Amino acid sequence: MHKCLVEICQEFETVEDFLTKPSEEKNELINSLFLDFMEGFPSIKEEKLEYPKEFTHDISLFNEGNFMLVKKFQDVQMRYLMLSDFYDYVRLTKKYKKT
C-alpha cells in the first residue's frame, strides 16, 4: 500500500469516539486527513485500480469540483465516514495491518 495511504490510516487510528464525543480537535484532524486522502489518492497510479470503483469515482468527482460531492463532503461526519470506509476496506482486504 502506498506510503501516503499508510500514514493516513495510522493517523485515522488515533481518532476515537468521533461520532459520540465530537471535538474541534477531532474535526480538524478528520478534515486534514480527508484532504490528504483526496489529494494523495490520485497520485498512487496503478494501485488505484485495486480499490472499489466507489472510492475512485467519488474521489475523482470531488477533485473535479462536482457540486453534489463537494457539498456532501462539506460535512465533517461524511468525511469521517469516507475515511472509515476506506480504513475498514484496507483492513478487511489485508492491504493494511494495524500498527
N, C-alpha and C. Protein backbone atom coordinates (compact mmCIF):
# COMPACT_ATOMS: atom_id res chain seq x y z
N MET A 1 0.85 -1.17 0.00
CA MET A 1 0.00 0.00 0.00
C MET A 1 0.90 1.24 0.00
N HIS A 2 0.48 2.24 -0.74
CA HIS A 2 1.27 3.46 -0.88
C HIS A 2 1.49 4.13 0.47
N LYS A 3 2.67 4.71 0.63
CA LYS A 3 3.07 5.31 1.91
C LYS A 3 2.08 6.36 2.40
N CYS A 4 1.57 7.21 1.50
CA CYS A 4 0.65 8.27 1.95
C CYS A 4 -0.64 7.66 2.52
N LEU A 5 -1.09 6.55 1.95
CA LEU A 5 -2.30 5.90 2.45
C LEU A 5 -2.05 5.22 3.80
N VAL A 6 -0.87 4.65 3.96
CA VAL A 6 -0.50 4.04 5.23
C VAL A 6 -0.48 5.11 6.33
N GLU A 7 0.10 6.25 6.03
CA GLU A 7 0.17 7.34 7.02
C GLU A 7 -1.22 7.84 7.38
N ILE A 8 -2.10 7.93 6.41
CA ILE A 8 -3.48 8.35 6.69
C ILE A 8 -4.17 7.34 7.60
N CYS A 9 -3.98 6.06 7.32
CA CYS A 9 -4.57 5.02 8.17
C CYS A 9 -4.02 5.07 9.59
N GLN A 10 -2.73 5.28 9.72
CA GLN A 10 -2.13 5.36 11.05
C GLN A 10 -2.69 6.53 11.85
N GLU A 11 -2.85 7.66 11.20
CA GLU A 11 -3.42 8.83 11.88
C GLU A 11 -4.90 8.60 12.20
N PHE A 12 -5.60 7.97 11.27
CA PHE A 12 -7.03 7.71 11.49
C PHE A 12 -7.24 6.84 12.73
N GLU A 13 -6.34 5.92 12.98
CA GLU A 13 -6.44 5.06 14.16
C GLU A 13 -6.42 5.84 15.47
N THR A 14 -5.88 7.03 15.45
CA THR A 14 -5.79 7.82 16.68
C THR A 14 -7.11 8.50 17.04
N VAL A 15 -8.05 8.53 16.11
CA VAL A 15 -9.33 9.20 16.35
C VAL A 15 -10.28 8.22 17.02
N GLU A 16 -10.66 8.56 18.23
CA GLU A 16 -11.57 7.69 18.99
C GLU A 16 -12.85 8.45 19.32
N ASP A 17 -13.97 7.74 19.31
CA ASP A 17 -15.26 8.30 19.69
C ASP A 17 -15.64 9.54 18.89
N PHE A 18 -15.28 9.56 17.63
CA PHE A 18 -15.55 10.75 16.83
C PHE A 18 -17.05 11.08 16.76
N LEU A 19 -17.86 10.07 16.51
CA LEU A 19 -19.29 10.32 16.34
C LEU A 19 -20.02 10.54 17.66
N THR A 20 -19.52 9.96 18.74
CA THR A 20 -20.21 10.09 20.02
C THR A 20 -19.65 11.20 20.91
N LYS A 21 -18.38 11.54 20.72
CA LYS A 21 -17.77 12.60 21.52
C LYS A 21 -16.98 13.54 20.59
N PRO A 22 -17.71 14.31 19.79
CA PRO A 22 -17.02 15.20 18.85
C PRO A 22 -16.27 16.31 19.56
N SER A 23 -15.24 16.80 18.90
CA SER A 23 -14.50 17.95 19.41
C SER A 23 -13.90 18.69 18.22
N GLU A 24 -13.54 19.92 18.45
CA GLU A 24 -12.93 20.72 17.38
C GLU A 24 -11.60 20.10 16.94
N GLU A 25 -10.85 19.58 17.88
CA GLU A 25 -9.56 18.95 17.57
C GLU A 25 -9.75 17.74 16.64
N LYS A 26 -10.75 16.91 16.96
CA LYS A 26 -11.03 15.74 16.11
C LYS A 26 -11.51 16.18 14.73
N ASN A 27 -12.37 17.21 14.69
CA ASN A 27 -12.84 17.73 13.40
C ASN A 27 -11.67 18.19 12.54
N GLU A 28 -10.75 18.90 13.14
CA GLU A 28 -9.58 19.40 12.40
C GLU A 28 -8.74 18.25 11.86
N LEU A 29 -8.55 17.22 12.67
CA LEU A 29 -7.77 16.06 12.23
C LEU A 29 -8.48 15.35 11.08
N ILE A 30 -9.78 15.13 11.20
CA ILE A 30 -10.53 14.47 10.13
C ILE A 30 -10.50 15.31 8.86
N ASN A 31 -10.68 16.60 8.98
CA ASN A 31 -10.62 17.47 7.80
C ASN A 31 -9.26 17.38 7.13
N SER A 32 -8.22 17.39 7.90
CA SER A 32 -6.86 17.30 7.37
C SER A 32 -6.62 15.95 6.69
N LEU A 33 -7.01 14.87 7.35
CA LEU A 33 -6.83 13.53 6.78
C LEU A 33 -7.65 13.37 5.50
N PHE A 34 -8.85 13.89 5.50
CA PHE A 34 -9.71 13.80 4.32
C PHE A 34 -9.07 14.51 3.13
N LEU A 35 -8.59 15.72 3.35
CA LEU A 35 -7.96 16.46 2.26
C LEU A 35 -6.68 15.78 1.79
N ASP A 36 -5.91 15.23 2.71
CA ASP A 36 -4.71 14.46 2.33
C ASP A 36 -5.11 13.25 1.49
N PHE A 37 -6.19 12.59 1.89
CA PHE A 37 -6.67 11.42 1.16
C PHE A 37 -7.11 11.80 -0.25
N MET A 38 -7.88 12.88 -0.35
CA MET A 38 -8.39 13.31 -1.66
C MET A 38 -7.26 13.78 -2.58
N GLU A 39 -6.23 14.36 -2.01
CA GLU A 39 -5.09 14.82 -2.82
C GLU A 39 -4.13 13.67 -3.13
N GLY A 40 -3.93 12.78 -2.17
CA GLY A 40 -2.95 11.72 -2.33
C GLY A 40 -3.42 10.54 -3.16
N PHE A 41 -4.70 10.21 -3.07
CA PHE A 41 -5.20 9.03 -3.76
C PHE A 41 -4.95 9.07 -5.27
N PRO A 42 -5.20 10.19 -5.94
CA PRO A 42 -4.96 10.20 -7.40
C PRO A 42 -3.50 9.96 -7.79
N SER A 43 -2.58 10.21 -6.89
CA SER A 43 -1.16 10.07 -7.22
C SER A 43 -0.63 8.65 -7.08
N ILE A 44 -1.46 7.71 -6.67
CA ILE A 44 -0.95 6.35 -6.43
C ILE A 44 -0.95 5.48 -7.68
N LYS A 45 -1.23 6.08 -8.81
CA LYS A 45 -1.14 5.44 -10.14
C LYS A 45 -1.93 4.15 -10.22
N GLU A 46 -1.26 3.06 -10.63
CA GLU A 46 -1.97 1.81 -10.89
C GLU A 46 -2.55 1.16 -9.63
N GLU A 47 -2.06 1.52 -8.46
CA GLU A 47 -2.62 0.96 -7.22
C GLU A 47 -4.10 1.32 -7.09
N LYS A 48 -4.51 2.46 -7.68
CA LYS A 48 -5.92 2.87 -7.62
C LYS A 48 -6.84 1.78 -8.16
N LEU A 49 -6.35 1.03 -9.12
CA LEU A 49 -7.17 0.01 -9.76
C LEU A 49 -7.53 -1.13 -8.81
N GLU A 50 -6.81 -1.25 -7.71
CA GLU A 50 -7.07 -2.31 -6.74
C GLU A 50 -8.21 -1.97 -5.78
N TYR A 51 -8.70 -0.74 -5.83
CA TYR A 51 -9.74 -0.29 -4.91
C TYR A 51 -11.09 -0.25 -5.61
N PRO A 52 -12.17 -0.39 -4.83
CA PRO A 52 -13.51 -0.35 -5.43
C PRO A 52 -13.75 0.95 -6.21
N LYS A 53 -14.56 0.82 -7.25
CA LYS A 53 -14.88 1.98 -8.09
C LYS A 53 -15.51 3.11 -7.29
N GLU A 54 -16.22 2.76 -6.23
CA GLU A 54 -16.88 3.78 -5.42
C GLU A 54 -15.88 4.78 -4.86
N PHE A 55 -14.72 4.32 -4.44
CA PHE A 55 -13.69 5.23 -3.95
C PHE A 55 -13.14 6.08 -5.08
N THR A 56 -12.70 5.42 -6.13
CA THR A 56 -12.05 6.15 -7.22
C THR A 56 -13.02 7.12 -7.88
N HIS A 57 -14.26 6.71 -8.04
CA HIS A 57 -15.25 7.56 -8.69
C HIS A 57 -15.54 8.81 -7.84
N ASP A 58 -15.83 8.61 -6.54
CA ASP A 58 -16.13 9.74 -5.67
C ASP A 58 -14.94 10.69 -5.55
N ILE A 59 -13.76 10.14 -5.43
CA ILE A 59 -12.56 10.98 -5.31
C ILE A 59 -12.35 11.79 -6.57
N SER A 60 -12.51 11.15 -7.71
CA SER A 60 -12.35 11.84 -8.98
C SER A 60 -13.37 12.97 -9.13
N LEU A 61 -14.63 12.69 -8.84
CA LEU A 61 -15.66 13.72 -8.95
C LEU A 61 -15.43 14.86 -7.96
N PHE A 62 -15.04 14.52 -6.74
CA PHE A 62 -14.76 15.55 -5.73
C PHE A 62 -13.63 16.46 -6.21
N ASN A 63 -12.56 15.86 -6.70
CA ASN A 63 -11.41 16.65 -7.14
C ASN A 63 -11.70 17.46 -8.39
N GLU A 64 -12.70 17.04 -9.17
CA GLU A 64 -13.13 17.81 -10.34
C GLU A 64 -14.08 18.94 -9.94
N GLY A 65 -14.47 18.97 -8.66
CA GLY A 65 -15.36 20.03 -8.17
C GLY A 65 -16.84 19.75 -8.37
N ASN A 66 -17.20 18.47 -8.52
CA ASN A 66 -18.60 18.11 -8.67
C ASN A 66 -19.41 18.70 -7.51
N PHE A 67 -20.41 19.52 -7.86
CA PHE A 67 -21.16 20.26 -6.86
C PHE A 67 -21.74 19.36 -5.77
N MET A 68 -22.39 18.27 -6.17
CA MET A 68 -23.06 17.41 -5.20
C MET A 68 -22.07 16.74 -4.23
N LEU A 69 -20.94 16.29 -4.76
CA LEU A 69 -19.96 15.64 -3.88
C LEU A 69 -19.24 16.65 -3.00
N VAL A 70 -18.92 17.79 -3.55
CA VAL A 70 -18.28 18.82 -2.72
C VAL A 70 -19.22 19.21 -1.59
N LYS A 71 -20.50 19.39 -1.92
CA LYS A 71 -21.49 19.74 -0.90
C LYS A 71 -21.62 18.62 0.14
N LYS A 72 -21.68 17.38 -0.32
CA LYS A 72 -21.80 16.23 0.58
C LYS A 72 -20.63 16.19 1.56
N PHE A 73 -19.42 16.42 1.05
CA PHE A 73 -18.24 16.29 1.89
C PHE A 73 -17.86 17.58 2.63
N GLN A 74 -18.74 18.57 2.61
CA GLN A 74 -18.53 19.72 3.49
C GLN A 74 -18.81 19.32 4.93
N ASP A 75 -19.62 18.29 5.10
CA ASP A 75 -19.97 17.78 6.42
C ASP A 75 -18.83 16.90 6.94
N VAL A 76 -18.27 17.26 8.07
CA VAL A 76 -17.13 16.52 8.63
C VAL A 76 -17.50 15.08 8.96
N GLN A 77 -18.75 14.82 9.30
CA GLN A 77 -19.16 13.45 9.57
C GLN A 77 -19.12 12.60 8.30
N MET A 78 -19.47 13.18 7.16
CA MET A 78 -19.38 12.45 5.90
C MET A 78 -17.91 12.19 5.55
N ARG A 79 -17.05 13.14 5.87
CA ARG A 79 -15.62 12.95 5.65
C ARG A 79 -15.11 11.80 6.51
N TYR A 80 -15.54 11.79 7.75
CA TYR A 80 -15.15 10.72 8.67
C TYR A 80 -15.62 9.37 8.14
N LEU A 81 -16.87 9.30 7.68
CA LEU A 81 -17.41 8.04 7.18
C LEU A 81 -16.67 7.55 5.94
N MET A 82 -16.26 8.47 5.08
CA MET A 82 -15.47 8.08 3.89
C MET A 82 -14.14 7.48 4.33
N LEU A 83 -13.47 8.15 5.25
CA LEU A 83 -12.19 7.62 5.74
C LEU A 83 -12.39 6.29 6.47
N SER A 84 -13.46 6.19 7.23
CA SER A 84 -13.76 4.96 7.94
C SER A 84 -14.01 3.80 6.97
N ASP A 85 -14.75 4.07 5.91
CA ASP A 85 -15.00 3.04 4.90
C ASP A 85 -13.69 2.59 4.26
N PHE A 86 -12.84 3.55 3.93
CA PHE A 86 -11.56 3.20 3.33
C PHE A 86 -10.71 2.38 4.30
N TYR A 87 -10.63 2.84 5.53
CA TYR A 87 -9.85 2.15 6.56
C TYR A 87 -10.36 0.72 6.74
N ASP A 88 -11.67 0.56 6.85
CA ASP A 88 -12.25 -0.78 7.01
C ASP A 88 -11.93 -1.65 5.80
N TYR A 89 -12.02 -1.08 4.62
CA TYR A 89 -11.73 -1.85 3.40
C TYR A 89 -10.29 -2.36 3.39
N VAL A 90 -9.34 -1.48 3.67
CA VAL A 90 -7.93 -1.91 3.61
C VAL A 90 -7.59 -2.87 4.74
N ARG A 91 -8.28 -2.79 5.84
CA ARG A 91 -8.07 -3.77 6.92
C ARG A 91 -8.66 -5.12 6.53
N LEU A 92 -9.87 -5.11 6.00
CA LEU A 92 -10.52 -6.37 5.62
C LEU A 92 -9.79 -7.09 4.50
N THR A 93 -9.22 -6.33 3.59
CA THR A 93 -8.51 -6.95 2.46
C THR A 93 -7.04 -7.20 2.79
N LYS A 94 -6.65 -6.87 4.00
CA LYS A 94 -5.28 -7.07 4.50
C LYS A 94 -4.24 -6.27 3.72
N LYS A 95 -4.68 -5.17 3.10
CA LYS A 95 -3.73 -4.26 2.45
C LYS A 95 -2.98 -3.46 3.53
N TYR A 96 -3.66 -3.30 4.67
CA TYR A 96 -3.09 -2.54 5.77
C TYR A 96 -3.27 -3.33 7.05
N LYS A 97 -2.20 -3.37 7.84
CA LYS A 97 -2.27 -4.01 9.14
C LYS A 97 -2.05 -2.96 10.21
N LYS A 98 -2.91 -2.98 11.20
CA LYS A 98 -2.83 -2.03 12.31
C LYS A 98 -1.48 -2.14 12.99
N THR A 99 -0.88 -0.99 13.29
CA THR A 99 0.44 -0.99 13.93
C THR A 99 0.34 -1.01 15.43
